[in-house]
Amino acid sequence: PPLIEQLVVTGEGDALDEKLIRQAEALLDFILAPDYRKSVINNLGKSGGLARTLRFTLAFRTEKRADIDPLTVECVKRQRGELKFDDVEALIEQMHKDAAEARAILAAPPAEDAPSLLPL
């Protein structure tokens, strides 16, 4: 939550910038579990002001977006172990790699010898 607040809320007297809100939404999209994404949003704006407005803006926008189904979340949520990063740029780079890997996993056709999940 502090990272998102720092990204979007540039100053107390300023208005929220739509471009920065979209960047925050893009960061939130890396969180696959809908409940965890909502908890991050709900922890924004504890000090009030523009950060609180940001929390409500993101919460309303999140409700309008379709969530990924639970089976998909279970398939890709554990791609690798926890890593530590020296800087934000390295973290963002790894997040993009993880997202690309998850898309590739989900887009791949099932193996020919994979068991059917449908009743015969």
PDB file of N, CA and C in Angstrom:
ATOM      1  N   PRO A   1       0.789  -1.214   0.000  1.00  0.00           N
ATOM      2  CA  PRO A   1       0.000   0.000   0.000  1.00  0.00           C
ATOM      3  C   PRO A   1       0.836   1.287   0.000  1.00  0.00           C
ATOM      4  N   PRO A   2       1.932   1.357   0.768  1.00  0.00           N
ATOM      5  CA  PRO A   2       2.713   2.602   0.740  1.00  0.00           C
ATOM      6  C   PRO A   2       3.302   2.898  -0.644  1.00  0.00           C
ATOM      7  N   LEU A   3       3.705   1.860  -1.364  1.00  0.00           N
ATOM      8  CA  LEU A   3       4.262   2.055  -2.707  1.00  0.00           C
ATOM      9  C   LEU A   3       3.217   2.674  -3.631  1.00  0.00           C
ATOM     10  N   ILE A   4       2.004   2.177  -3.562  1.00  0.00           N
ATOM     11  CA  ILE A   4       0.935   2.697  -4.417  1.00  0.00           C
ATOM     12  C   ILE A   4       0.596   4.126  -4.030  1.00  0.00           C
ATOM     13  N   GLU A   5       0.535   4.408  -2.741  1.00  0.00           N
ATOM     14  CA  GLU A   5       0.268   5.778  -2.296  1.00  0.00           C
ATOM     15  C   GLU A   5       1.351   6.728  -2.781  1.00  0.00           C
ATOM     16  N   GLN A   6       2.607   6.340  -2.648  1.00  0.00           N
ATOM     17  CA  GLN A   6       3.706   7.202  -3.077  1.00  0.00           C
ATOM     18  C   GLN A   6       3.700   7.419  -4.579  1.00  0.00           C
ATOM     19  N   LEU A   7       3.259   6.414  -5.330  1.00  0.00           N
ATOM     20  CA  LEU A   7       3.208   6.532  -6.783  1.00  0.00           C
ATOM     21  C   LEU A   7       2.140   7.524  -7.222  1.00  0.00           C
ATOM     22  N   VAL A   8       0.976   7.466  -6.596  1.00  0.00           N
ATOM     23  CA  VAL A   8      -0.177   8.228  -7.076  1.00  0.00           C
ATOM     24  C   VAL A   8      -0.343   9.579  -6.388  1.00  0.00           C
ATOM     25  N   VAL A   9      -0.155   9.623  -5.089  1.00  0.00           N
ATOM     26  CA  VAL A   9      -0.382  10.860  -4.334  1.00  0.00           C
ATOM     27  C   VAL A   9       0.929  11.637  -4.321  1.00  0.00           C
ATOM     28  N   THR A  10       1.019  12.615  -5.214  1.00  0.00           N
ATOM     29  CA  THR A  10       2.266  13.371  -5.369  1.00  0.00           C
ATOM     30  C   THR A  10       2.372  14.544  -4.408  1.00  0.00           C
ATOM     31  N   GLY A  11       1.249  15.039  -3.963  1.00  0.00           N
ATOM     32  CA  GLY A  11       1.244  16.160  -3.015  1.00  0.00           C
ATOM     33  C   GLY A  11      -0.151  16.334  -2.462  1.00  0.00           C
ATOM     34  N   GLU A  12      -0.269  16.811  -1.250  1.00  0.00           N
ATOM     35  CA  GLU A  12      -1.580  16.911  -0.601  1.00  0.00           C
ATOM     36  C   GLU A  12      -2.499  17.903  -1.305  1.00  0.00           C
ATOM     37  N   GLY A  13      -1.958  18.941  -1.901  1.00  0.00           N
ATOM     38  CA  GLY A  13      -2.794  19.938  -2.555  1.00  0.00           C
ATOM     39  C   GLY A  13      -3.193  19.571  -3.975  1.00  0.00           C
ATOM     40  N   ASP A  14      -2.564  18.568  -4.534  1.00  0.00           N
ATOM     41  CA  ASP A  14      -2.830  18.188  -5.920  1.00  0.00           C
ATOM     42  C   ASP A  14      -4.064  17.292  -6.018  1.00  0.00           C
ATOM     43  N   ALA A  15      -4.609  17.218  -7.228  1.00  0.00           N
ATOM     44  CA  ALA A  15      -5.692  16.273  -7.508  1.00  0.00           C
ATOM     45  C   ALA A  15      -5.073  14.955  -7.965  1.00  0.00           C
ATOM     46  N   LEU A  16      -5.847  13.890  -7.911  1.00  0.00           N
ATOM     47  CA  LEU A  16      -5.361  12.603  -8.385  1.00  0.00           C
ATOM     48  C   LEU A  16      -5.199  12.639  -9.903  1.00  0.00           C
ATOM     49  N   ASP A  17      -4.120  12.060 -10.392  1.00  0.00           N
ATOM     50  CA  ASP A  17      -3.816  12.025 -11.819  1.00  0.00           C
ATOM     51  C   ASP A  17      -4.269  10.682 -12.385  1.00  0.00           C
ATOM     52  N   GLU A  18      -5.113  10.722 -13.416  1.00  0.00           N
ATOM     53  CA  GLU A  18      -5.655   9.506 -14.019  1.00  0.00           C
ATOM     54  C   GLU A  18      -4.551   8.571 -14.515  1.00  0.00           C
ATOM     55  N   LYS A  19      -3.509   9.126 -15.080  1.00  0.00           N
ATOM     56  CA  LYS A  19      -2.398   8.308 -15.583  1.00  0.00           C
ATOM     57  C   LYS A  19      -1.734   7.539 -14.431  1.00  0.00           C
ATOM     58  N   LEU A  20      -1.552   8.187 -13.296  1.00  0.00           N
ATOM     59  CA  LEU A  20      -0.941   7.535 -12.146  1.00  0.00           C
ATOM     60  C   LEU A  20      -1.875   6.495 -11.529  1.00  0.00           C
ATOM     61  N   ILE A  21      -3.162   6.760 -11.559  1.00  0.00           N
ATOM     62  CA  ILE A  21      -4.125   5.775 -11.053  1.00  0.00           C
ATOM     63  C   ILE A  21      -4.078   4.517 -11.908  1.00  0.00           C
ATOM     64  N   ARG A  22      -3.980   4.680 -13.214  1.00  0.00           N
ATOM     65  CA  ARG A  22      -3.868   3.514 -14.102  1.00  0.00           C
ATOM     66  C   ARG A  22      -2.602   2.720 -13.822  1.00  0.00           C
ATOM     67  N   GLN A  23      -1.507   3.399 -13.518  1.00  0.00           N
ATOM     68  CA  GLN A  23      -0.269   2.693 -13.178  1.00  0.00           C
ATOM     69  C   GLN A  23      -0.452   1.900 -11.878  1.00  0.00           C
ATOM     70  N   ALA A  24      -1.153   2.484 -10.925  1.00  0.00           N
ATOM     71  CA  ALA A  24      -1.427   1.771  -9.672  1.00  0.00           C
ATOM     72  C   ALA A  24      -2.293   0.548  -9.945  1.00  0.00           C
ATOM     73  N   GLU A  25      -3.285   0.689 -10.820  1.00  0.00           N
ATOM     74  CA  GLU A  25      -4.124  -0.455 -11.183  1.00  0.00           C
ATOM     75  C   GLU A  25      -3.305  -1.544 -11.860  1.00  0.00           C
ATOM     76  N   ALA A  26      -2.341  -1.144 -12.676  1.00  0.00           N
ATOM     77  CA  ALA A  26      -1.473  -2.129 -13.335  1.00  0.00           C
ATOM     78  C   ALA A  26      -0.650  -2.892 -12.298  1.00  0.00           C
ATOM     79  N   LEU A  27      -0.175  -2.215 -11.264  1.00  0.00           N
ATOM     80  CA  LEU A  27       0.547  -2.903 -10.194  1.00  0.00           C
ATOM     81  C   LEU A  27      -0.379  -3.855  -9.443  1.00  0.00           C
ATOM     82  N   LEU A  28      -1.589  -3.420  -9.181  1.00  0.00           N
ATOM     83  CA  LEU A  28      -2.539  -4.274  -8.471  1.00  0.00           C
ATOM     84  C   LEU A  28      -2.915  -5.504  -9.285  1.00  0.00           C
ATOM     85  N   ASP A  29      -2.854  -5.405 -10.605  1.00  0.00           N
ATOM     86  CA  ASP A  29      -3.172  -6.546 -11.461  1.00  0.00           C
ATOM     87  C   ASP A  29      -2.205  -7.707 -11.277  1.00  0.00           C
ATOM     88  N   PHE A  30      -1.029  -7.442 -10.719  1.00  0.00           N
ATOM     89  CA  PHE A  30      -0.079  -8.512 -10.452  1.00  0.00           C
ATOM     90  C   PHE A  30      -0.515  -9.378  -9.265  1.00  0.00           C
ATOM     91  N   ILE A  31      -1.451  -8.880  -8.484  1.00  0.00           N
ATOM     92  CA  ILE A  31      -1.974  -9.650  -7.353  1.00  0.00           C
ATOM     93  C   ILE A  31      -3.122 -10.501  -7.877  1.00  0.00           C
ATOM     94  N   LEU A  32      -2.914 -11.801  -7.952  1.00  0.00           N
ATOM     95  CA  LEU A  32      -3.899 -12.683  -8.566  1.00  0.00           C
ATOM     96  C   LEU A  32      -5.129 -12.914  -7.703  1.00  0.00           C
ATOM     97  N   ALA A  33      -4.951 -13.045  -6.413  1.00  0.00           N
ATOM     98  CA  ALA A  33      -6.084 -13.351  -5.541  1.00  0.00           C
ATOM     99  C   ALA A  33      -6.928 -12.101  -5.304  1.00  0.00           C
ATOM    100  N   PRO A  34      -8.205 -12.145  -5.680  1.00  0.00           N
ATOM    101  CA  PRO A  34      -9.075 -10.969  -5.522  1.00  0.00           C
ATOM    102  C   PRO A  34      -9.175 -10.476  -4.082  1.00  0.00           C
ATOM    103  N   ASP A  35      -9.234 -11.386  -3.127  1.00  0.00           N
ATOM    104  CA  ASP A  35      -9.345 -10.972  -1.722  1.00  0.00           C
ATOM    105  C   ASP A  35      -8.090 -10.240  -1.261  1.00  0.00           C
ATOM    106  N   TYR A  36      -6.925 -10.714  -1.689  1.00  0.00           N
ATOM    107  CA  TYR A  36      -5.681 -10.056  -1.285  1.00  0.00           C
ATOM    108  C   TYR A  36      -5.576  -8.685  -1.950  1.00  0.00           C
ATOM    109  N   ARG A  37      -5.989  -8.596  -3.218  1.00  0.00           N
ATOM    110  CA  ARG A  37      -5.986  -7.314  -3.920  1.00  0.00           C
ATOM    111  C   ARG A  37      -6.872  -6.313  -3.176  1.00  0.00           C
ATOM    112  N   LYS A  38      -8.038  -6.758  -2.740  1.00  0.00           N
ATOM    113  CA  LYS A  38      -8.951  -5.877  -2.004  1.00  0.00           C
ATOM    114  C   LYS A  38      -8.356  -5.458  -0.661  1.00  0.00           C
ATOM    115  N   SER A  39      -7.638  -6.376  -0.012  1.00  0.00           N
ATOM    116  CA  SER A  39      -7.040  -6.008   1.278  1.00  0.00           C
ATOM    117  C   SER A  39      -5.952  -4.960   1.104  1.00  0.00           C
ATOM    118  N   VAL A  40      -5.199  -5.042   0.000  1.00  0.00           N
ATOM    119  CA  VAL A  40      -4.193  -4.014  -0.271  1.00  0.00           C
ATOM    120  C   VAL A  40      -4.875  -2.665  -0.472  1.00  0.00           C
ATOM    121  N   ILE A  41      -5.935  -2.649  -1.259  1.00  0.00           N
ATOM    122  CA  ILE A  41      -6.670  -1.403  -1.510  1.00  0.00           C
ATOM    123  C   ILE A  41      -7.247  -0.848  -0.209  1.00  0.00           C
ATOM    124  N   ASN A  42      -7.799  -1.718   0.631  1.00  0.00           N
ATOM    125  CA  ASN A  42      -8.406  -1.267   1.879  1.00  0.00           C
ATOM    126  C   ASN A  42      -7.391  -0.721   2.870  1.00  0.00           C
ATOM    127  N   ASN A  43      -6.115  -1.010   2.684  1.00  0.00           N
ATOM    128  CA  ASN A  43      -5.077  -0.476   3.566  1.00  0.00           C
ATOM    129  C   ASN A  43      -4.492   0.835   3.057  1.00  0.00           C
ATOM    130  N   LEU A  44      -4.991   1.338   1.957  1.00  0.00           N
ATOM    131  CA  LEU A  44      -4.563   2.644   1.457  1.00  0.00           C
ATOM    132  C   LEU A  44      -5.299   3.740   2.225  1.00  0.00           C
ATOM    133  N   GLY A  45      -4.699   4.904   2.302  1.00  0.00           N
ATOM    134  CA  GLY A  45      -5.383   6.087   2.800  1.00  0.00           C
ATOM    135  C   GLY A  45      -5.713   6.097   4.264  1.00  0.00           C
ATOM    136  N   LYS A  46      -4.940   5.420   5.078  1.00  0.00           N
ATOM    137  CA  LYS A  46      -5.207   5.410   6.523  1.00  0.00           C
ATOM    138  C   LYS A  46      -5.036   6.796   7.133  1.00  0.00           C
ATOM    139  N   SER A  47      -4.208   7.640   6.490  1.00  0.00           N
ATOM    140  CA  SER A  47      -3.977   8.985   7.022  1.00  0.00           C
ATOM    141  C   SER A  47      -4.990  10.001   6.502  1.00  0.00           C
ATOM    142  N   GLY A  48      -5.870   9.574   5.592  1.00  0.00           N
ATOM    143  CA  GLY A  48      -6.883  10.478   5.056  1.00  0.00           C
ATOM    144  C   GLY A  48      -6.393  11.241   3.839  1.00  0.00           C
ATOM    145  N   GLY A  49      -7.088  12.284   3.493  1.00  0.00           N
ATOM    146  CA  GLY A  49      -6.709  13.135   2.369  1.00  0.00           C
ATOM    147  C   GLY A  49      -6.850  12.441   1.023  1.00  0.00           C
ATOM    148  N   LEU A  50      -5.947  12.780   0.101  1.00  0.00           N
ATOM    149  CA  LEU A  50      -5.999  12.217  -1.248  1.00  0.00           C
ATOM    150  C   LEU A  50      -5.795  10.710  -1.263  1.00  0.00           C
ATOM    151  N   ALA A  51      -5.007  10.190  -0.345  1.00  0.00           N
ATOM    152  CA  ALA A  51      -4.787   8.748  -0.286  1.00  0.00           C
ATOM    153  C   ALA A  51      -6.099   8.019   0.014  1.00  0.00           C
ATOM    154  N   ARG A  52      -6.932   8.612   0.851  1.00  0.00           N
ATOM    155  CA  ARG A  52      -8.246   8.019   1.146  1.00  0.00           C
ATOM    156  C   ARG A  52      -9.138   8.064  -0.097  1.00  0.00           C
ATOM    157  N   THR A  53      -9.086   9.165  -0.827  1.00  0.00           N
ATOM    158  CA  THR A  53      -9.831   9.270  -2.075  1.00  0.00           C
ATOM    159  C   THR A  53      -9.353   8.211  -3.068  1.00  0.00           C
ATOM    160  N   LEU A  54      -8.043   8.002  -3.113  1.00  0.00           N
ATOM    161  CA  LEU A  54      -7.476   6.971  -3.976  1.00  0.00           C
ATOM    162  C   LEU A  54      -8.024   5.599  -3.598  1.00  0.00           C
ATOM    163  N   ARG A  55      -8.106   5.309  -2.297  1.00  0.00           N
ATOM    164  CA  ARG A  55      -8.635   4.015  -1.846  1.00  0.00           C
ATOM    165  C   ARG A  55     -10.043   3.797  -2.376  1.00  0.00           C
ATOM    166  N   PHE A  56     -10.908   4.799  -2.257  1.00  0.00           N
ATOM    167  CA  PHE A  56     -12.284   4.647  -2.729  1.00  0.00           C
ATOM    168  C   PHE A  56     -12.327   4.523  -4.257  1.00  0.00           C
ATOM    169  N   THR A  57     -11.491   5.291  -4.944  1.00  0.00           N
ATOM    170  CA  THR A  57     -11.455   5.225  -6.408  1.00  0.00           C
ATOM    171  C   THR A  57     -11.065   3.822  -6.872  1.00  0.00           C
ATOM    172  N   LEU A  58      -9.994   3.281  -6.295  1.00  0.00           N
ATOM    173  CA  LEU A  58      -9.541   1.944  -6.692  1.00  0.00           C
ATOM    174  C   LEU A  58     -10.554   0.872  -6.286  1.00  0.00           C
ATOM    175  N   ALA A  59     -11.183   1.033  -5.134  1.00  0.00           N
ATOM    176  CA  ALA A  59     -12.174   0.051  -4.683  1.00  0.00           C
ATOM    177  C   ALA A  59     -13.358   0.009  -5.640  1.00  0.00           C
ATOM    178  N   PHE A  60     -13.866   1.167  -6.058  1.00  0.00           N
ATOM    179  CA  PHE A  60     -15.002   1.181  -6.979  1.00  0.00           C
ATOM    180  C   PHE A  60     -14.612   0.632  -8.351  1.00  0.00           C
ATOM    181  N   ARG A  61     -13.428   0.958  -8.809  1.00  0.00           N
ATOM    182  CA  ARG A  61     -12.988   0.452 -10.105  1.00  0.00           C
ATOM    183  C   ARG A  61     -12.748  -1.054 -10.063  1.00  0.00           C
ATOM    184  N   THR A  62     -12.255  -1.559  -8.956  1.00  0.00           N
ATOM    185  CA  THR A  62     -11.987  -2.991  -8.833  1.00  0.00           C
ATOM    186  C   THR A  62     -13.283  -3.787  -8.877  1.00  0.00           C
ATOM    187  N   GLU A  63     -14.332  -3.251  -8.285  1.00  0.00           N
ATOM    188  CA  GLU A  63     -15.616  -3.945  -8.300  1.00  0.00           C
ATOM    189  C   GLU A  63     -16.142  -4.115  -9.717  1.00  0.00           C
ATOM    190  N   LYS A  64     -15.816  -3.197 -10.613  1.00  0.00           N
ATOM    191  CA  LYS A  64     -16.301  -3.256 -11.990  1.00  0.00           C
ATOM    192  C   LYS A  64     -15.505  -4.231 -12.852  1.00  0.00           C
ATOM    193  N   ARG A  65     -14.298  -4.597 -12.400  1.00  0.00           N
ATOM    194  CA  ARG A  65     -13.434  -5.467 -13.191  1.00  0.00           C
ATOM    195  C   ARG A  65     -13.754  -6.931 -12.903  1.00  0.00           C
ATOM    196  N   ALA A  66     -13.641  -7.739 -13.913  1.00  0.00           N
ATOM    197  CA  ALA A  66     -13.866  -9.176 -13.738  1.00  0.00           C
ATOM    198  C   ALA A  66     -12.639  -9.806 -13.082  1.00  0.00           C
ATOM    199  N   ASP A  67     -12.881 -10.600 -12.059  1.00  0.00           N
ATOM    200  CA  ASP A  67     -11.782 -11.279 -11.387  1.00  0.00           C
ATOM    201  C   ASP A  67     -11.455 -12.581 -12.107  1.00  0.00           C
ATOM    202  N   ILE A  68     -10.234 -13.014 -11.941  1.00  0.00           N
ATOM    203  CA  ILE A  68      -9.800 -14.281 -12.501  1.00  0.00           C
ATOM    204  C   ILE A  68     -10.461 -15.388 -11.685  1.00  0.00           C
ATOM    205  N   ASP A  69     -10.864 -16.461 -12.343  1.00  0.00           N
ATOM    206  CA  ASP A  69     -11.542 -17.534 -11.629  1.00  0.00           C
ATOM    207  C   ASP A  69     -10.588 -18.225 -10.648  1.00  0.00           C
ATOM    208  N   PRO A  70     -11.111 -18.823  -9.577  1.00  0.00           N
ATOM    209  CA  PRO A  70     -10.266 -19.416  -8.535  1.00  0.00           C
ATOM    210  C   PRO A  70      -9.349 -20.526  -9.030  1.00  0.00           C
ATOM    211  N   LEU A  71      -9.791 -21.320  -9.996  1.00  0.00           N
ATOM    212  CA  LEU A  71      -8.951 -22.397 -10.507  1.00  0.00           C
ATOM    213  C   LEU A  71      -7.702 -21.836 -11.171  1.00  0.00           C
ATOM    214  N   THR A  72      -7.862 -20.760 -11.916  1.00  0.00           N
ATOM    215  CA  THR A  72      -6.720 -20.118 -12.550  1.00  0.00           C
ATOM    216  C   THR A  72      -5.734 -19.616 -11.507  1.00  0.00           C
ATOM    217  N   VAL A  73      -6.248 -19.030 -10.450  1.00  0.00           N
ATOM    218  CA  VAL A  73      -5.382 -18.534  -9.378  1.00  0.00           C
ATOM    219  C   VAL A  73      -4.575 -19.680  -8.790  1.00  0.00           C
ATOM    220  N   GLU A  74      -5.224 -20.804  -8.516  1.00  0.00           N
ATOM    221  CA  GLU A  74      -4.520 -21.947  -7.933  1.00  0.00           C
ATOM    222  C   GLU A  74      -3.444 -22.487  -8.871  1.00  0.00           C
ATOM    223  N   CYS A  75      -3.678 -22.401 -10.169  1.00  0.00           N
ATOM    224  CA  CYS A  75      -2.717 -22.938 -11.144  1.00  0.00           C
ATOM    225  C   CYS A  75      -1.428 -22.124 -11.212  1.00  0.00           C
ATOM    226  N   VAL A  76      -1.506 -20.836 -11.014  1.00  0.00           N
ATOM    227  CA  VAL A  76      -0.329 -19.996 -11.244  1.00  0.00           C
ATOM    228  C   VAL A  76       0.177 -19.243 -10.019  1.00  0.00           C
ATOM    229  N   LYS A  77      -0.478 -19.373  -8.868  1.00  0.00           N
ATOM    230  CA  LYS A  77      -0.071 -18.519  -7.747  1.00  0.00           C
ATOM    231  C   LYS A  77       1.263 -18.922  -7.128  1.00  0.00           C
ATOM    232  N   ARG A  78       1.706 -20.137  -7.336  1.00  0.00           N
ATOM    233  CA  ARG A  78       2.989 -20.561  -6.767  1.00  0.00           C
ATOM    234  C   ARG A  78       3.948 -20.922  -7.905  1.00  0.00           C
ATOM    235  N   GLN A  79       4.445 -19.919  -8.589  1.00  0.00           N
ATOM    236  CA  GLN A  79       5.374 -20.133  -9.691  1.00  0.00           C
ATOM    237  C   GLN A  79       6.797 -20.330  -9.196  1.00  0.00           C
ATOM    238  N   ARG A  80       7.140 -19.663  -8.129  1.00  0.00           N
ATOM    239  CA  ARG A  80       8.514 -19.705  -7.634  1.00  0.00           C
ATOM    240  C   ARG A  80       8.508 -19.330  -6.164  1.00  0.00           C
ATOM    241  N   GLY A  81       9.640 -19.513  -5.530  1.00  0.00           N
ATOM    242  CA  GLY A  81       9.780 -19.145  -4.129  1.00  0.00           C
ATOM    243  C   GLY A  81       9.927 -17.641  -3.971  1.00  0.00           C
ATOM    244  N   GLU A  82       9.993 -17.205  -2.731  1.00  0.00           N
ATOM    245  CA  GLU A  82      10.125 -15.779  -2.435  1.00  0.00           C
ATOM    246  C   GLU A  82      11.529 -15.296  -2.777  1.00  0.00           C
ATOM    247  N   LEU A  83      11.603 -14.117  -3.368  1.00  0.00           N
ATOM    248  CA  LEU A  83      12.878 -13.497  -3.722  1.00  0.00           C
ATOM    249  C   LEU A  83      12.982 -12.138  -3.051  1.00  0.00           C
ATOM    250  N   LYS A  84      14.191 -11.709  -2.802  1.00  0.00           N
ATOM    251  CA  LYS A  84      14.435 -10.350  -2.285  1.00  0.00           C
ATOM    252  C   LYS A  84      15.120  -9.563  -3.396  1.00  0.00           C
ATOM    253  N   PHE A  85      14.816  -8.274  -3.468  1.00  0.00           N
ATOM    254  CA  PHE A  85      15.324  -7.431  -4.541  1.00  0.00           C
ATOM    255  C   PHE A  85      16.086  -6.245  -3.969  1.00  0.00           C
ATOM    256  N   ASP A  86      17.116  -5.834  -4.701  1.00  0.00           N
ATOM    257  CA  ASP A  86      17.937  -4.704  -4.269  1.00  0.00           C
ATOM    258  C   ASP A  86      17.257  -3.367  -4.504  1.00  0.00           C
ATOM    259  N   ASP A  87      16.391  -3.308  -5.545  1.00  0.00           N
ATOM    260  CA  ASP A  87      15.727  -2.045  -5.855  1.00  0.00           C
ATOM    261  C   ASP A  87      14.374  -2.310  -6.513  1.00  0.00           C
ATOM    262  N   VAL A  88      13.601  -1.267  -6.668  1.00  0.00           N
ATOM    263  CA  VAL A  88      12.255  -1.377  -7.226  1.00  0.00           C
ATOM    264  C   VAL A  88      12.293  -1.821  -8.691  1.00  0.00           C
ATOM    265  N   GLU A  89      13.280  -1.364  -9.429  1.00  0.00           N
ATOM    266  CA  GLU A  89      13.370  -1.724 -10.846  1.00  0.00           C
ATOM    267  C   GLU A  89      13.525  -3.231 -11.022  1.00  0.00           C
ATOM    268  N   ALA A  90      14.349  -3.866 -10.182  1.00  0.00           N
ATOM    269  CA  ALA A  90      14.534  -5.314 -10.258  1.00  0.00           C
ATOM    270  C   ALA A  90      13.240  -6.042  -9.902  1.00  0.00           C
ATOM    271  N   LEU A  91      12.512  -5.518  -8.927  1.00  0.00           N
ATOM    272  CA  LEU A  91      11.226  -6.098  -8.555  1.00  0.00           C
ATOM    273  C   LEU A  91      10.237  -6.017  -9.716  1.00  0.00           C
ATOM    274  N   ILE A  92      10.138  -4.860 -10.329  1.00  0.00           N
ATOM    275  CA  ILE A  92       9.205  -4.678 -11.450  1.00  0.00           C
ATOM    276  C   ILE A  92       9.581  -5.586 -12.613  1.00  0.00           C
ATOM    277  N   GLU A  93      10.859  -5.702 -12.903  1.00  0.00           N
ATOM    278  CA  GLU A  93      11.324  -6.589 -13.983  1.00  0.00           C
ATOM    279  C   GLU A  93      10.906  -8.036 -13.701  1.00  0.00           C
ATOM    280  N   GLN A  94      11.092  -8.485 -12.464  1.00  0.00           N
ATOM    281  CA  GLN A  94      10.707  -9.857 -12.109  1.00  0.00           C
ATOM    282  C   GLN A  94       9.196 -10.037 -12.187  1.00  0.00           C
ATOM    283  N   MET A  95       8.434  -9.020 -11.809  1.00  0.00           N
ATOM    284  CA  MET A  95       6.977  -9.103 -11.892  1.00  0.00           C
ATOM    285  C   MET A  95       6.526  -9.271 -13.341  1.00  0.00           C
ATOM    286  N   HIS A  96       7.182  -8.561 -14.252  1.00  0.00           N
ATOM    287  CA  HIS A  96       6.848  -8.714 -15.679  1.00  0.00           C
ATOM    288  C   HIS A  96       7.196 -10.110 -16.174  1.00  0.00           C
ATOM    289  N   LYS A  97       8.336 -10.649 -15.732  1.00  0.00           N
ATOM    290  CA  LYS A  97       8.717 -12.013 -16.114  1.00  0.00           C
ATOM    291  C   LYS A  97       7.698 -13.023 -15.581  1.00  0.00           C
ATOM    292  N   ASP A  98       7.294 -12.844 -14.317  1.00  0.00           N
ATOM    293  CA  ASP A  98       6.318 -13.749 -13.714  1.00  0.00           C
ATOM    294  C   ASP A  98       4.985 -13.693 -14.450  1.00  0.00           C
ATOM    295  N   ALA A  99       4.552 -12.493 -14.803  1.00  0.00           N
ATOM    296  CA  ALA A  99       3.280 -12.338 -15.515  1.00  0.00           C
ATOM    297  C   ALA A  99       3.346 -13.008 -16.880  1.00  0.00           C
ATOM    298  N   ALA A 100       4.468 -12.844 -17.592  1.00  0.00           N
ATOM    299  CA  ALA A 100       4.630 -13.473 -18.906  1.00  0.00           C
ATOM    300  C   ALA A 100       4.622 -14.995 -18.770  1.00  0.00           C
ATOM    301  N   GLU A 101       5.288 -15.507 -17.741  1.00  0.00           N
ATOM    302  CA  GLU A 101       5.313 -16.960 -17.524  1.00  0.00           C
ATOM    303  C   GLU A 101       3.914 -17.489 -17.212  1.00  0.00           C
ATOM    304  N   ALA A 102       3.167 -16.762 -16.393  1.00  0.00           N
ATOM    305  CA  ALA A 102       1.806 -17.181 -16.058  1.00  0.00           C
ATOM    306  C   ALA A 102       0.918 -17.178 -17.302  1.00  0.00           C
ATOM    307  N   ARG A 103       1.050 -16.149 -18.136  1.00  0.00           N
ATOM    308  CA  ARG A 103       0.266 -16.105 -19.382  1.00  0.00           C
ATOM    309  C   ARG A 103       0.609 -17.284 -20.280  1.00  0.00           C
ATOM    310  N   ALA A 104       1.889 -17.619 -20.365  1.00  0.00           N
ATOM    311  CA  ALA A 104       2.325 -18.742 -21.204  1.00  0.00           C
ATOM    312  C   ALA A 104       1.761 -20.059 -20.665  1.00  0.00           C
ATOM    313  N   ILE A 105       1.774 -20.231 -19.350  1.00  0.00           N
ATOM    314  CA  ILE A 105       1.227 -21.454 -18.748  1.00  0.00           C
ATOM    315  C   ILE A 105      -0.258 -21.575 -19.063  1.00  0.00           C
ATOM    316  N   LEU A 106      -0.984 -20.477 -18.906  1.00  0.00           N
ATOM    317  CA  LEU A 106      -2.430 -20.514 -19.113  1.00  0.00           C
ATOM    318  C   LEU A 106      -2.821 -20.615 -20.574  1.00  0.00           C
ATOM    319  N   ALA A 107      -1.951 -20.162 -21.477  1.00  0.00           N
ATOM    320  CA  ALA A 107      -2.262 -20.200 -22.904  1.00  0.00           C
ATOM    321  C   ALA A 107      -1.874 -21.522 -23.549  1.00  0.00           C
ATOM    322  N   ALA A 108      -1.026 -22.301 -22.899  1.00  0.00           N
ATOM    323  CA  ALA A 108      -0.555 -23.553 -23.487  1.00  0.00           C
ATOM    324  C   ALA A 108      -1.696 -24.556 -23.585  1.00  0.00           C
ATOM    325  N   PRO A 109      -1.763 -25.274 -24.703  1.00  0.00           N
ATOM    326  CA  PRO A 109      -2.799 -26.304 -24.820  1.00  0.00           C
ATOM    327  C   PRO A 109      -2.493 -27.462 -23.869  1.00  0.00           C
ATOM    328  N   PRO A 110      -3.517 -28.191 -23.420  1.00  0.00           N
ATOM    329  CA  PRO A 110      -3.267 -29.311 -22.511  1.00  0.00           C
ATOM    330  C   PRO A 110      -2.492 -30.416 -23.222  1.00  0.00           C
ATOM    331  N   ALA A 111      -1.718 -31.138 -22.449  1.00  0.00           N
ATOM    332  CA  ALA A 111      -0.967 -32.259 -23.016  1.00  0.00           C
ATOM    333  C   ALA A 111      -1.940 -33.315 -23.512  1.00  0.00           C
ATOM    334  N   GLU A 112      -1.533 -34.038 -24.543  1.00  0.00           N
ATOM    335  CA  GLU A 112      -2.441 -35.037 -25.124  1.00  0.00           C
ATOM    336  C   GLU A 112      -2.788 -36.147 -24.145  1.00  0.00           C
ATOM    337  N   ASP A 113      -1.875 -36.472 -23.234  1.00  0.00           N
ATOM    338  CA  ASP A 113      -2.130 -37.542 -22.277  1.00  0.00           C
ATOM    339  C   ASP A 113      -2.682 -37.015 -20.952  1.00  0.00           C
ATOM    340  N   ALA A 114      -3.063 -35.742 -20.919  1.00  0.00           N
ATOM    341  CA  ALA A 114      -3.610 -35.157 -19.691  1.00  0.00           C
ATOM    342  C   ALA A 114      -4.986 -35.770 -19.415  1.00  0.00           C
ATOM    343  N   PRO A 115      -5.263 -36.083 -18.143  1.00  0.00           N
ATOM    344  CA  PRO A 115      -6.579 -36.657 -17.825  1.00  0.00           C
ATOM    345  C   PRO A 115      -7.683 -35.634 -18.019  1.00  0.00           C
ATOM    346  N   SER A 116      -8.831 -36.101 -18.429  1.00  0.00           N
ATOM    347  CA  SER A 116      -9.963 -35.216 -18.637  1.00  0.00           C
ATOM    348  C   SER A 116     -10.602 -34.896 -17.287  1.00  0.00           C
ATOM    349  N   LEU A 117     -11.001 -33.644 -17.111  1.00  0.00           N
ATOM    350  CA  LEU A 117     -11.686 -33.244 -15.896  1.00  0.00           C
ATOM    351  C   LEU A 117     -13.196 -33.364 -16.041  1.00  0.00           C
ATOM    352  N   LEU A 118     -13.647 -33.681 -17.249  1.00  0.00           N
ATOM    353  CA  LEU A 118     -15.072 -33.806 -17.506  1.00  0.00           C
ATOM    354  C   LEU A 118     -15.519 -35.245 -17.275  1.00  0.00           C
ATOM    355  N   PRO A 119     -16.708 -35.461 -16.716  1.00  0.00           N
ATOM    356  CA  PRO A 119     -17.184 -36.838 -16.529  1.00  0.00           C
ATOM    357  C   PRO A 119     -17.441 -37.490 -17.874  1.00  0.00           C
ATOM    358  N   LEU A 120     -17.121 -38.757 -17.951  1.00  0.00           N
ATOM    359  CA  LEU A 120     -17.323 -39.499 -19.213  1.00  0.00           C
ATOM    360  C   LEU A 120     -18.680 -40.134 -19.265  1.00  0.00           C
TER     361      LEU A 120
END
